[in-house]
Amino acid sequence: MRNYELMYIIRPDVDQETVQAVVEKFQGIIVNGGEIVKQEVLGKKRLAYEINKHRDGTYVLVQFTSDSAVVNELERVLKITDEIIRHMIVREVVA
């Protein structure tokens, strides 16, 4: 089990219930084979540059531990979810 950090940006035109549903969807994937250490919905923020004609987005930050199979499944689902405009998963290296 390794430590990972995931940040994703949800489209600004979705309502609060959809944001909560998307967050719960990814929680379910992570909990299926790992453990969530910390999760924060950072709220709606302005993007540094326009992405797919959107200037704002709802940021979500998740720190979790899991194996690589969960990360691969999470990456696959993030790519095909329409509500997500950007995402990034990084492995935390303990020095």
N, C-alpha and C. Protein backbone atom coordinates (compact mmCIF):
# COMPACT_ATOMS: atom_id res chain seq x y z
N MET A 1 0.85 -1.18 0.00
CA MET A 1 0.00 0.00 0.00
C MET A 1 0.89 1.25 0.00
N ARG A 2 0.59 2.14 -0.93
CA ARG A 2 1.36 3.38 -1.04
C ARG A 2 0.45 4.58 -0.81
N ASN A 3 1.06 5.69 -0.49
CA ASN A 3 0.32 6.93 -0.28
C ASN A 3 0.18 7.68 -1.59
N TYR A 4 -1.02 8.15 -1.86
CA TYR A 4 -1.31 8.90 -3.07
C TYR A 4 -2.08 10.16 -2.72
N GLU A 5 -1.99 11.12 -3.64
CA GLU A 5 -2.78 12.34 -3.51
C GLU A 5 -3.47 12.57 -4.85
N LEU A 6 -4.76 12.82 -4.79
CA LEU A 6 -5.58 13.04 -5.99
C LEU A 6 -6.21 14.41 -5.89
N MET A 7 -6.11 15.18 -6.97
CA MET A 7 -6.86 16.43 -7.06
C MET A 7 -7.61 16.40 -8.37
N TYR A 8 -8.89 16.73 -8.29
CA TYR A 8 -9.67 16.83 -9.52
C TYR A 8 -10.55 18.06 -9.48
N ILE A 9 -10.90 18.54 -10.68
CA ILE A 9 -11.70 19.76 -10.83
C ILE A 9 -13.00 19.38 -11.51
N ILE A 10 -14.10 19.74 -10.86
CA ILE A 10 -15.44 19.45 -11.38
C ILE A 10 -15.94 20.69 -12.11
N ARG A 11 -16.65 20.48 -13.22
CA ARG A 11 -17.21 21.59 -14.01
C ARG A 11 -18.01 22.54 -13.13
N PRO A 12 -17.97 23.83 -13.41
CA PRO A 12 -18.68 24.80 -12.55
C PRO A 12 -20.18 24.84 -12.77
N ASP A 13 -20.67 24.29 -13.86
CA ASP A 13 -22.10 24.40 -14.17
C ASP A 13 -22.94 23.27 -13.58
N VAL A 14 -22.34 22.38 -12.79
CA VAL A 14 -23.12 21.32 -12.15
C VAL A 14 -23.61 21.79 -10.79
N ASP A 15 -24.75 21.27 -10.34
CA ASP A 15 -25.31 21.70 -9.06
C ASP A 15 -24.63 20.96 -7.89
N GLN A 16 -24.94 21.38 -6.68
CA GLN A 16 -24.28 20.87 -5.48
C GLN A 16 -24.54 19.38 -5.28
N GLU A 17 -25.74 18.91 -5.63
CA GLU A 17 -26.05 17.48 -5.48
C GLU A 17 -25.18 16.63 -6.40
N THR A 18 -24.93 17.13 -7.60
CA THR A 18 -24.08 16.40 -8.55
C THR A 18 -22.64 16.38 -8.07
N VAL A 19 -22.17 17.49 -7.51
CA VAL A 19 -20.82 17.54 -6.95
C VAL A 19 -20.68 16.49 -5.86
N GLN A 20 -21.67 16.41 -4.98
CA GLN A 20 -21.63 15.43 -3.89
C GLN A 20 -21.67 14.00 -4.43
N ALA A 21 -22.46 13.77 -5.48
CA ALA A 21 -22.54 12.44 -6.08
C ALA A 21 -21.20 12.04 -6.71
N VAL A 22 -20.53 12.97 -7.37
CA VAL A 22 -19.23 12.68 -7.98
C VAL A 22 -18.20 12.37 -6.89
N VAL A 23 -18.20 13.15 -5.81
CA VAL A 23 -17.26 12.92 -4.71
C VAL A 23 -17.50 11.54 -4.10
N GLU A 24 -18.75 11.18 -3.88
CA GLU A 24 -19.07 9.86 -3.31
C GLU A 24 -18.70 8.72 -4.26
N LYS A 25 -18.84 8.96 -5.56
CA LYS A 25 -18.47 7.95 -6.56
C LYS A 25 -16.99 7.60 -6.45
N PHE A 26 -16.14 8.63 -6.35
CA PHE A 26 -14.70 8.37 -6.26
C PHE A 26 -14.30 7.87 -4.88
N GLN A 27 -15.03 8.26 -3.85
CA GLN A 27 -14.79 7.69 -2.51
C GLN A 27 -15.02 6.19 -2.56
N GLY A 28 -16.08 5.77 -3.22
CA GLY A 28 -16.40 4.35 -3.32
C GLY A 28 -15.32 3.55 -4.02
N ILE A 29 -14.75 4.12 -5.07
CA ILE A 29 -13.69 3.43 -5.81
C ILE A 29 -12.46 3.29 -4.93
N ILE A 30 -12.11 4.35 -4.21
CA ILE A 30 -10.90 4.31 -3.37
C ILE A 30 -11.08 3.34 -2.21
N VAL A 31 -12.24 3.39 -1.54
CA VAL A 31 -12.48 2.55 -0.37
C VAL A 31 -12.56 1.07 -0.75
N ASN A 32 -12.89 0.78 -2.00
CA ASN A 32 -13.00 -0.59 -2.47
C ASN A 32 -11.69 -1.36 -2.31
N GLY A 33 -10.54 -0.67 -2.42
CA GLY A 33 -9.27 -1.38 -2.27
C GLY A 33 -8.23 -0.58 -1.52
N GLY A 34 -8.65 0.48 -0.86
CA GLY A 34 -7.70 1.33 -0.15
C GLY A 34 -8.37 2.01 1.02
N GLU A 35 -7.76 3.09 1.47
CA GLU A 35 -8.28 3.82 2.63
C GLU A 35 -8.06 5.31 2.41
N ILE A 36 -9.10 6.11 2.64
CA ILE A 36 -8.99 7.56 2.52
C ILE A 36 -8.42 8.11 3.81
N VAL A 37 -7.32 8.86 3.70
CA VAL A 37 -6.69 9.48 4.86
C VAL A 37 -7.32 10.84 5.13
N LYS A 38 -7.52 11.62 4.06
CA LYS A 38 -8.06 12.97 4.20
C LYS A 38 -8.75 13.36 2.91
N GLN A 39 -9.88 14.04 3.03
CA GLN A 39 -10.60 14.50 1.84
C GLN A 39 -11.14 15.89 2.11
N GLU A 40 -10.95 16.79 1.14
CA GLU A 40 -11.43 18.16 1.26
C GLU A 40 -12.07 18.58 -0.05
N VAL A 41 -13.25 19.16 0.04
CA VAL A 41 -13.84 19.84 -1.10
C VAL A 41 -13.45 21.30 -0.93
N LEU A 42 -12.52 21.77 -1.74
CA LEU A 42 -11.95 23.10 -1.58
C LEU A 42 -12.88 24.20 -2.09
N GLY A 43 -13.91 23.82 -2.81
CA GLY A 43 -14.88 24.80 -3.28
C GLY A 43 -14.57 25.31 -4.68
N LYS A 44 -15.39 26.25 -5.11
CA LYS A 44 -15.27 26.80 -6.45
C LYS A 44 -14.17 27.85 -6.47
N LYS A 45 -13.24 27.69 -7.41
CA LYS A 45 -12.12 28.61 -7.56
C LYS A 45 -11.94 28.95 -9.03
N ARG A 46 -11.29 30.05 -9.26
CA ARG A 46 -10.98 30.49 -10.62
C ARG A 46 -9.79 29.69 -11.13
N LEU A 47 -9.87 29.23 -12.37
CA LEU A 47 -8.78 28.49 -12.99
C LEU A 47 -7.70 29.45 -13.47
N ALA A 48 -6.47 28.98 -13.55
CA ALA A 48 -5.37 29.81 -14.03
C ALA A 48 -5.53 30.12 -15.52
N TYR A 49 -6.12 29.20 -16.25
CA TYR A 49 -6.40 29.40 -17.67
C TYR A 49 -7.67 28.65 -18.02
N GLU A 50 -8.27 29.01 -19.12
CA GLU A 50 -9.54 28.43 -19.53
C GLU A 50 -9.35 26.97 -19.96
N ILE A 51 -10.22 26.10 -19.47
CA ILE A 51 -10.20 24.69 -19.84
C ILE A 51 -11.58 24.34 -20.38
N ASN A 52 -11.65 23.92 -21.62
CA ASN A 52 -12.92 23.56 -22.26
C ASN A 52 -13.99 24.64 -22.07
N LYS A 53 -13.58 25.89 -22.27
CA LYS A 53 -14.47 27.06 -22.16
C LYS A 53 -14.98 27.31 -20.75
N HIS A 54 -14.33 26.76 -19.73
CA HIS A 54 -14.69 27.01 -18.34
C HIS A 54 -13.60 27.86 -17.69
N ARG A 55 -14.02 28.86 -16.93
CA ARG A 55 -13.08 29.73 -16.22
C ARG A 55 -13.00 29.40 -14.72
N ASP A 56 -13.99 28.66 -14.19
CA ASP A 56 -14.04 28.29 -12.78
C ASP A 56 -14.18 26.77 -12.67
N GLY A 57 -13.98 26.27 -11.47
CA GLY A 57 -14.18 24.85 -11.22
C GLY A 57 -14.20 24.57 -9.73
N THR A 58 -14.83 23.46 -9.36
CA THR A 58 -14.87 23.03 -7.97
C THR A 58 -13.73 22.05 -7.73
N TYR A 59 -12.82 22.43 -6.85
CA TYR A 59 -11.63 21.63 -6.58
C TYR A 59 -11.90 20.63 -5.45
N VAL A 60 -11.40 19.40 -5.62
CA VAL A 60 -11.49 18.37 -4.59
C VAL A 60 -10.11 17.75 -4.42
N LEU A 61 -9.66 17.65 -3.17
CA LEU A 61 -8.36 17.08 -2.84
C LEU A 61 -8.56 15.86 -1.96
N VAL A 62 -7.94 14.73 -2.35
CA VAL A 62 -8.07 13.49 -1.59
C VAL A 62 -6.68 12.90 -1.37
N GLN A 63 -6.38 12.56 -0.12
CA GLN A 63 -5.17 11.82 0.20
C GLN A 63 -5.60 10.42 0.62
N PHE A 64 -4.97 9.41 0.03
CA PHE A 64 -5.39 8.04 0.30
C PHE A 64 -4.23 7.08 0.18
N THR A 65 -4.42 5.88 0.72
CA THR A 65 -3.45 4.80 0.58
C THR A 65 -4.14 3.65 -0.16
N SER A 66 -3.43 3.07 -1.10
CA SER A 66 -3.97 1.93 -1.85
C SER A 66 -2.86 1.29 -2.66
N ASP A 67 -3.22 0.25 -3.39
CA ASP A 67 -2.26 -0.36 -4.30
C ASP A 67 -2.50 0.19 -5.71
N SER A 68 -1.67 -0.23 -6.64
CA SER A 68 -1.71 0.36 -7.98
C SER A 68 -2.96 -0.03 -8.77
N ALA A 69 -3.59 -1.14 -8.45
CA ALA A 69 -4.81 -1.54 -9.17
C ALA A 69 -5.94 -0.54 -8.94
N VAL A 70 -6.06 -0.05 -7.71
CA VAL A 70 -7.09 0.95 -7.40
C VAL A 70 -6.79 2.25 -8.14
N VAL A 71 -5.52 2.62 -8.18
CA VAL A 71 -5.13 3.85 -8.87
C VAL A 71 -5.43 3.74 -10.36
N ASN A 72 -5.16 2.60 -10.96
CA ASN A 72 -5.46 2.40 -12.38
C ASN A 72 -6.95 2.50 -12.65
N GLU A 73 -7.78 1.90 -11.81
CA GLU A 73 -9.23 1.97 -11.97
C GLU A 73 -9.72 3.41 -11.77
N LEU A 74 -9.17 4.09 -10.78
CA LEU A 74 -9.54 5.47 -10.51
C LEU A 74 -9.19 6.35 -11.70
N GLU A 75 -8.03 6.17 -12.27
CA GLU A 75 -7.59 6.93 -13.44
C GLU A 75 -8.53 6.68 -14.62
N ARG A 76 -8.92 5.44 -14.82
CA ARG A 76 -9.81 5.09 -15.93
C ARG A 76 -11.17 5.78 -15.77
N VAL A 77 -11.74 5.73 -14.57
CA VAL A 77 -13.05 6.33 -14.33
C VAL A 77 -12.98 7.86 -14.40
N LEU A 78 -11.89 8.45 -13.91
CA LEU A 78 -11.73 9.90 -13.98
C LEU A 78 -11.72 10.38 -15.43
N LYS A 79 -11.08 9.60 -16.31
CA LYS A 79 -10.99 10.00 -17.72
C LYS A 79 -12.34 9.98 -18.42
N ILE A 80 -13.25 9.08 -18.01
CA ILE A 80 -14.51 8.96 -18.74
C ILE A 80 -15.67 9.68 -18.06
N THR A 81 -15.42 10.30 -16.90
CA THR A 81 -16.48 11.03 -16.20
C THR A 81 -16.61 12.43 -16.80
N ASP A 82 -17.81 12.76 -17.28
CA ASP A 82 -18.03 14.03 -17.97
C ASP A 82 -17.91 15.24 -17.05
N GLU A 83 -18.21 15.08 -15.76
CA GLU A 83 -18.19 16.22 -14.84
C GLU A 83 -16.77 16.68 -14.49
N ILE A 84 -15.77 15.84 -14.74
CA ILE A 84 -14.38 16.17 -14.40
C ILE A 84 -13.72 16.85 -15.59
N ILE A 85 -13.12 18.05 -15.34
CA ILE A 85 -12.43 18.72 -16.44
C ILE A 85 -10.91 18.53 -16.36
N ARG A 86 -10.37 18.29 -15.17
CA ARG A 86 -8.95 17.97 -15.01
C ARG A 86 -8.77 17.11 -13.76
N HIS A 87 -7.72 16.27 -13.78
CA HIS A 87 -7.39 15.49 -12.60
C HIS A 87 -5.90 15.18 -12.60
N MET A 88 -5.38 14.88 -11.42
CA MET A 88 -3.99 14.48 -11.30
C MET A 88 -3.84 13.59 -10.06
N ILE A 89 -3.17 12.46 -10.25
CA ILE A 89 -2.86 11.55 -9.14
C ILE A 89 -1.34 11.50 -9.03
N VAL A 90 -0.84 11.78 -7.83
CA VAL A 90 0.61 11.69 -7.60
C VAL A 90 0.87 10.77 -6.42
N ARG A 91 1.99 10.07 -6.49
CA ARG A 91 2.40 9.21 -5.38
C ARG A 91 3.26 10.03 -4.44
N GLU A 92 2.93 10.01 -3.17
CA GLU A 92 3.70 10.75 -2.18
C GLU A 92 4.93 9.93 -1.81
N VAL A 93 6.08 10.52 -1.92
CA VAL A 93 7.33 9.85 -1.61
C VAL A 93 7.77 10.27 -0.21
N VAL A 94 8.00 9.31 0.63
CA VAL A 94 8.46 9.58 1.99
C VAL A 94 9.98 9.52 1.98
N ALA A 95 10.59 10.63 2.34
CA ALA A 95 12.06 10.70 2.30
C ALA A 95 12.67 10.28 3.60
